[in-house]
Amino acid sequence: MSDKEQLIRELDQAPDFLAREVLNFFLFIKTRTIENYRQESIQKNKESNIPDFLRFIDQVNSEMPTETNIPQDLAKNLDHYLYGSPKEEA
């Protein structure tokens, strides 16, 4: 006997209030499952619609080091860093 047949037999023997509760629970699960499927489909579509060059940029960004050795006073002492002129002090 399949699960579906067993469920139908049990529902035939159950009082109406219990059958109504089982129906409400079943409809809730069905709705939730459909909504989850839709959300997964939307997410897959979003991911698949990303152009290859954007995926490449994401990959490059993920490989970039988070800490760099760029001086904080770069704009003020640009000539020093580019041409070796004396550094201006704060």
Foldseek 3Di string as FASTA:
>chain_A
DDPVVVVVVVLVVDDPVVVVVVVVVVVVVVVVVVVVVVVVVVVVVVVVPDDPVVVVVVVVVVPDDPDDPDDPCCVQQVCCVPPNDDGDDD
